Amino acid sequence: AIESAFVLAQELATVGPDGVNAALNRYATRRFLRAGAIHGLSRMASIMNTTYKRFLGSDPYDIYPEPMKKMWQQVEKLGIPHPGRVVGQ
C-alpha cells in the first residue's frame, strides 16, 4: 500500500487539475505488473504454507489413486526434504 501511494503521489505531482485522469491511467499502468507479481508470490507462499509437508511424499492426498499413493509412500522413505522447507531456511 505504501509503494502504491508513493507511485500515485509521483503521478499526481506532475499534473494540474485537468490532468488527473491521465495521471490515474499512468498510475494504473505502472502498478499493474508489480501488484500482480506481489499478489502471485503472496498466493504461492500461502499455498505452500497450507499444504506444507516435511518430506516429499508425506501424507499422500486421498484423491490420489492407490498406485500413486504407494509411489509417494516410497518417495517419503527416501527422506527428501520438501522444496518449500529447503528454500524457506
Foldseek 3Di string as FASTA:
>chain_A
DVVLVVQLCVLVVVDDPVCNVVSVVVSCVVCVVVVVVVVVVVVVVVVCVVPPDQAFLPPDDPVDPPVVNVVSVVRVVVVHGDPVVVVVD
